[in-house]
Amino acid sequence: MDKLLIIDGTNLLFQMFYGMPSRIINKDGKAIQGTLGFIGAAIKIIKMAAPTHLVILFDGEHPNARTELLAEYKANRPDYSLVAEEDNPFSQIDDVYRALTFMNIRHTEVQKVETDDVIASYAYTYGEQMPIVISSFDSDFFQLINDNVKILRYRGKNTIICDTTYVKEKLNITPHQYADFKSLTGDNADNIKGADKVGPKTAALLLHEFGDLESILTNAESITRPTIQKSILNNTIRLRNNYKLIKLDANATLPFHKKDLKYDYSGITTNEVLSGIGLR
């Protein structure tokens, strides 16, 4: 059976660059710990998921349309053009790209839209045709989970596969309610403020009672707790805007089609890859 593995490349690069115990220099004096960690993790993820099709997507540099909805969207993130090379994950990204090309893995920087939207579009386009595994720590992908789409959170031997049961046990909601849930609570990672006094437990209770965000807003006056009712009524415009920010767009152009993504892992090792591109 076909299976598509989508790796959130920028997410994995940051995880590996900052997760390595120390800066690693090769014989030529070049820092390689980010590349070493990325390729090692990617190979392990491939072995875990055992895909027949594979793509790795990275964030491109371009204006973000979501800032038209909220100027502060992701404004809390560092400007990496100002970060010193030794502390900058992007300082090793060209080596990561060369390694992926050497491994014959399709990869690209996403242009015009957010990488999350392209990943969502892959899930909606091919999710009924084959199982899909998305490797990322970005919880926004929880909204894509269904019987055929799962999220892999790579932590070596402690890797977690997130499915519908995981989301229900962790957040007390269903995956299709995730965008509604985060609209209510806000998302600090993306600098999105939720409704005052509405935390995860309250958001889950509201969704249990009303079903989705729009039903909560439409029936806000029937919310029994006065402080919560007031908060929802006072933040109606913000909450609808939050939903537009958080809900992934499944209509993005796909950089590669299914036939282009066929992949058969050869058994190559991290050292062989690094040697092949001249880093070892």
Protein backbone atom coordinates (compact mmCIF):
# COMPACT_ATOMS: atom_id res chain seq x y z
CA MET A 1 0.00 0.00 0.00
CA ASP A 2 1.18 3.52 -0.81
CA LYS A 3 2.03 5.82 2.10
CA LEU A 4 3.08 9.47 1.98
CA LEU A 5 5.52 10.91 4.53
CA ILE A 6 5.68 14.71 4.71
CA ILE A 7 8.49 16.16 6.82
CA ASP A 8 8.21 19.75 8.03
CA GLY A 9 11.80 20.58 7.15
CA THR A 10 12.22 23.90 8.95
CA ASN A 11 10.66 22.46 12.10
CA LEU A 12 13.07 19.50 12.05
CA LEU A 13 16.07 21.72 11.28
CA PHE A 14 15.40 23.88 14.34
CA GLN A 15 14.80 20.83 16.53
CA MET A 16 18.08 19.23 15.49
CA PHE A 17 20.22 22.38 15.39
CA TYR A 18 19.26 23.45 18.90
CA GLY A 19 18.92 19.90 20.21
CA MET A 20 22.46 18.75 19.48
CA PRO A 21 24.62 18.67 22.63
CA SER A 22 27.43 20.74 21.14
CA ARG A 23 28.70 22.45 18.02
CA ILE A 24 30.35 19.86 15.77
CA ILE A 25 33.17 20.92 13.43
CA ASN A 26 34.44 18.75 10.58
CA LYS A 27 38.06 18.34 9.47
CA ASP A 28 37.79 21.49 7.34
CA GLY A 29 36.61 23.61 10.26
CA LYS A 30 33.01 23.74 9.06
CA ALA A 31 30.13 23.47 11.54
CA ILE A 32 27.97 20.46 10.63
CA GLN A 33 25.89 19.62 13.71
CA GLY A 34 22.64 20.89 12.19
CA THR A 35 23.15 18.90 8.99
CA LEU A 36 24.30 15.83 10.90
CA GLY A 37 21.30 15.96 13.23
CA PHE A 38 18.82 16.66 10.44
CA ILE A 39 19.92 13.82 8.16
CA GLY A 40 20.22 11.37 11.06
CA ALA A 41 16.71 12.23 12.25
CA ALA A 42 15.26 12.17 8.73
CA ILE A 43 16.63 8.67 8.15
CA LYS A 44 15.18 7.45 11.45
CA ILE A 45 11.80 9.02 10.63
CA ILE A 46 11.84 7.35 7.22
CA LYS A 47 12.57 3.99 8.84
CA MET A 48 9.73 4.50 11.33
CA ALA A 49 7.15 5.60 8.77
CA ALA A 50 8.26 3.26 5.94
CA PRO A 51 6.80 5.49 3.19
CA THR A 52 6.47 4.76 -0.50
CA HIS A 53 6.33 8.51 -1.18
CA LEU A 54 8.28 11.30 0.54
CA VAL A 55 8.58 15.09 0.45
CA ILE A 56 10.38 17.53 2.76
CA LEU A 57 9.12 21.12 2.78
CA PHE A 58 10.90 24.22 4.09
CA ASP A 59 9.68 27.75 4.78
CA GLY A 60 10.58 30.20 2.03
CA GLU A 61 11.22 33.91 2.48
CA HIS A 62 8.19 35.88 1.32
CA PRO A 63 5.46 38.17 2.67
CA ASN A 64 2.90 36.36 4.82
CA ALA A 65 -0.70 36.97 3.79
CA ARG A 66 -1.92 36.24 7.32
CA THR A 67 -0.32 39.47 8.52
CA GLU A 68 -3.07 41.26 6.58
CA LEU A 69 -5.48 39.76 9.12
CA LEU A 70 -3.22 40.41 12.11
CA ALA A 71 -0.15 42.62 11.85
CA GLU A 72 1.34 40.99 14.96
CA TYR A 73 1.06 37.46 13.52
CA LYS A 74 4.36 35.65 14.28
CA ALA A 75 5.95 39.03 15.08
CA ASN A 76 7.37 37.48 18.26
CA ARG A 77 9.83 35.36 16.29
CA PRO A 78 13.52 36.32 15.89
CA ASP A 79 14.87 37.90 12.73
CA TYR A 80 17.47 35.29 11.83
CA SER A 81 19.24 37.65 9.44
CA LEU A 82 20.50 39.32 12.63
CA VAL A 83 21.54 36.10 14.40
CA ALA A 84 25.22 35.14 14.49
CA GLU A 85 26.20 32.24 12.22
CA GLU A 86 27.12 29.89 15.05
CA ASP A 87 23.64 30.33 16.57
CA ASN A 88 21.71 30.34 13.30
CA PRO A 89 20.06 27.12 12.00
CA PHE A 90 19.87 28.59 8.50
CA SER A 91 23.67 28.79 8.32
CA GLN A 92 23.67 25.05 7.52
CA ILE A 93 20.56 24.82 5.37
CA ASP A 94 22.45 24.71 2.06
CA ASP A 95 24.30 21.61 3.27
CA VAL A 96 20.96 20.05 4.28
CA TYR A 97 19.64 20.70 0.77
CA ARG A 98 22.73 19.14 -0.81
CA ALA A 99 22.34 16.10 1.42
CA LEU A 100 18.69 15.66 0.47
CA THR A 101 19.53 15.97 -3.22
CA PHE A 102 22.25 13.34 -2.74
CA MET A 103 19.60 11.06 -1.17
CA ASN A 104 17.20 11.70 -4.09
CA ILE A 105 14.58 13.14 -1.72
CA ARG A 106 12.20 15.69 -3.17
CA HIS A 107 12.41 18.95 -1.22
CA THR A 108 11.71 22.61 -1.76
CA GLU A 109 11.22 25.98 -0.11
CA VAL A 110 7.56 26.88 -0.17
CA GLN A 111 6.83 30.17 -1.91
CA LYS A 112 3.88 32.61 -1.65
CA VAL A 113 2.02 30.69 1.09
CA GLU A 114 2.89 29.10 4.42
CA THR A 115 4.38 25.62 4.47
CA ASP A 116 1.54 24.54 6.77
CA ASP A 117 -0.98 25.28 4.03
CA VAL A 118 0.93 23.22 1.46
CA ILE A 119 1.12 20.31 3.90
CA ALA A 120 -2.63 20.65 4.51
CA SER A 121 -3.22 20.62 0.76
CA TYR A 122 -1.26 17.38 0.43
CA ALA A 123 -3.35 15.88 3.24
CA TYR A 124 -6.63 16.89 1.58
CA THR A 125 -5.51 15.97 -1.94
CA TYR A 126 -4.11 12.51 -1.19
CA GLY A 127 -5.54 11.67 2.24
CA GLU A 128 -8.31 9.49 0.81
CA GLN A 129 -5.92 7.68 -1.53
CA MET A 130 -3.29 6.57 0.99
CA PRO A 131 -2.17 6.93 4.61
CA ILE A 132 -0.26 10.14 5.32
CA VAL A 133 2.24 10.78 8.10
CA ILE A 134 3.23 14.38 8.84
CA SER A 135 6.45 14.73 10.83
CA SER A 136 6.34 17.97 12.85
CA PHE A 137 6.01 19.42 16.33
CA ASP A 138 3.64 22.13 15.02
CA SER A 139 0.35 21.41 16.78
CA ASP A 140 -1.63 23.25 14.06
CA PHE A 141 -1.44 19.98 12.13
CA PHE A 142 -3.72 18.36 14.73
CA GLN A 143 -6.64 19.77 12.73
CA LEU A 144 -5.68 17.49 9.81
CA ILE A 145 -5.79 14.25 11.81
CA ASN A 146 -8.29 11.62 10.75
CA ASP A 147 -8.33 7.86 10.18
CA ASN A 148 -5.80 8.26 7.35
CA VAL A 149 -3.68 11.21 8.53
CA LYS A 150 -1.41 11.08 11.59
CA ILE A 151 1.25 13.34 13.08
CA LEU A 152 4.68 11.99 14.03
CA ARG A 153 6.53 13.89 16.77
CA TYR A 154 10.11 12.68 16.51
CA ARG A 155 11.95 12.20 19.81
CA GLY A 156 14.17 9.22 19.03
CA LYS A 157 13.00 6.26 21.10
CA ASN A 158 10.31 8.48 22.64
CA THR A 159 8.69 9.35 19.32
CA ILE A 160 4.92 9.83 19.52
CA ILE A 161 2.33 9.13 16.82
CA CYS A 162 -0.59 11.54 17.29
CA ASP A 163 -3.97 10.28 16.13
CA THR A 164 -7.61 11.05 16.98
CA THR A 165 -7.35 9.27 20.33
CA TYR A 166 -4.23 11.27 21.25
CA VAL A 167 -5.97 14.60 20.58
CA LYS A 168 -9.07 13.56 22.52
CA GLU A 169 -7.01 12.43 25.52
CA LYS A 170 -4.70 15.47 25.47
CA LEU A 171 -7.17 18.27 24.75
CA ASN A 172 -10.63 16.70 25.24
CA ILE A 173 -11.69 17.70 21.71
CA THR A 174 -11.78 16.06 18.29
CA PRO A 175 -9.18 16.98 15.66
CA HIS A 176 -11.74 18.81 13.48
CA GLN A 177 -12.40 21.12 16.46
CA TYR A 178 -8.73 22.07 16.85
CA ALA A 179 -8.89 25.36 14.91
CA ASP A 180 -12.00 26.37 16.92
CA PHE A 181 -10.19 25.41 20.15
CA LYS A 182 -7.04 27.43 19.40
CA SER A 183 -9.13 30.39 18.24
CA LEU A 184 -10.62 30.50 21.74
CA THR A 185 -7.42 29.91 23.72
CA GLY A 186 -5.01 31.77 21.45
CA ASP A 187 -1.61 30.57 20.29
CA ASN A 188 1.47 32.07 21.91
CA ALA A 189 3.76 30.48 19.31
CA ASP A 190 2.10 32.52 16.55
CA ASN A 191 1.41 35.61 18.71
CA ILE A 192 -2.37 35.11 18.55
CA LYS A 193 -4.35 36.28 21.58
CA GLY A 194 -7.49 34.33 22.53
CA ALA A 195 -10.52 35.31 24.60
CA ASP A 196 -9.83 36.51 28.14
CA LYS A 197 -10.54 33.92 30.85
CA VAL A 198 -10.89 31.10 28.28
CA GLY A 199 -8.22 28.46 28.83
CA PRO A 200 -7.99 24.94 27.39
CA LYS A 201 -10.51 23.38 29.80
CA THR A 202 -13.11 26.10 29.27
CA ALA A 203 -12.60 26.02 25.50
CA ALA A 204 -13.13 22.24 25.45
CA LEU A 205 -16.29 22.56 27.57
CA LEU A 206 -17.70 25.22 25.24
CA LEU A 207 -16.99 23.05 22.21
CA HIS A 208 -18.64 20.06 23.88
CA GLU A 209 -21.73 22.16 24.49
CA PHE A 210 -21.95 24.08 21.21
CA GLY A 211 -19.91 22.05 18.69
CA ASP A 212 -17.82 24.71 16.97
CA LEU A 213 -16.67 28.31 17.28
CA GLU A 214 -19.38 29.84 15.12
CA SER A 215 -22.11 28.13 17.16
CA ILE A 216 -20.49 29.45 20.36
CA LEU A 217 -20.50 32.99 18.98
CA THR A 218 -24.05 32.73 17.67
CA ASN A 219 -25.34 31.41 21.01
CA ALA A 220 -23.04 33.35 23.32
CA GLU A 221 -25.87 34.76 25.38
CA SER A 222 -26.80 31.25 26.50
CA ILE A 223 -23.37 30.64 28.06
CA THR A 224 -24.13 30.17 31.76
CA ARG A 225 -20.91 31.53 33.30
CA PRO A 226 -21.22 35.35 33.22
CA THR A 227 -17.47 36.06 32.96
CA ILE A 228 -17.08 33.65 30.05
CA GLN A 229 -20.18 34.94 28.31
CA LYS A 230 -18.89 38.51 28.60
CA SER A 231 -15.46 37.51 27.28
CA ILE A 232 -16.90 35.74 24.25
CA LEU A 233 -19.26 38.62 23.46
CA ASN A 234 -16.46 41.19 23.82
CA ASN A 235 -14.08 39.24 21.59
CA THR A 236 -16.37 38.08 18.78
CA ILE A 237 -14.48 39.89 16.01
CA ARG A 238 -11.10 38.73 17.31
CA LEU A 239 -12.22 35.11 17.60
CA ARG A 240 -13.55 34.99 14.04
CA ASN A 241 -10.30 36.53 12.86
CA ASN A 242 -8.32 33.98 14.90
CA TYR A 243 -10.13 31.17 13.11
CA LYS A 244 -9.08 32.58 9.73
CA LEU A 245 -5.48 32.70 10.96
CA ILE A 246 -5.41 29.20 12.45
CA LYS A 247 -7.52 27.22 9.98
CA LEU A 248 -5.18 25.73 7.39
CA ASP A 249 -5.86 26.45 3.72
CA ALA A 250 -6.18 23.25 1.70
CA ASN A 251 -6.13 25.00 -1.68
CA ALA A 252 -2.41 25.73 -1.98
CA THR A 253 -0.56 24.71 -5.13
CA LEU A 254 1.38 21.47 -4.66
CA PRO A 255 5.07 21.80 -5.61
CA PHE A 256 5.22 18.08 -6.54
CA HIS A 257 2.57 15.58 -7.55
CA LYS A 258 2.27 12.09 -6.14
CA LYS A 259 4.10 10.43 -9.05
CA ASP A 260 7.12 12.69 -8.38
CA LEU A 261 7.39 11.67 -4.74
CA LYS A 262 8.07 7.94 -5.02
CA TYR A 263 10.83 6.97 -2.64
CA ASP A 264 12.54 3.73 -1.77
CA TYR A 265 14.97 4.01 1.14
CA SER A 266 18.26 2.46 0.08
CA GLY A 267 19.66 1.87 3.56
CA ILE A 268 22.15 4.73 3.24
CA THR A 269 23.61 5.96 6.53
CA THR A 270 24.16 9.49 7.82
CA ASN A 271 27.94 9.14 7.51
CA GLU A 272 27.61 7.94 3.93
CA VAL A 273 25.48 10.96 3.07
CA LEU A 274 27.87 13.41 4.72
CA SER A 275 30.85 11.76 3.01
CA GLY A 276 28.99 11.87 -0.29
CA ILE A 277 28.61 15.64 -0.12
CA GLY A 278 32.14 16.25 1.20
CA LEU A 279 31.35 17.05 4.84
CA ARG A 280 33.11 13.99 6.25
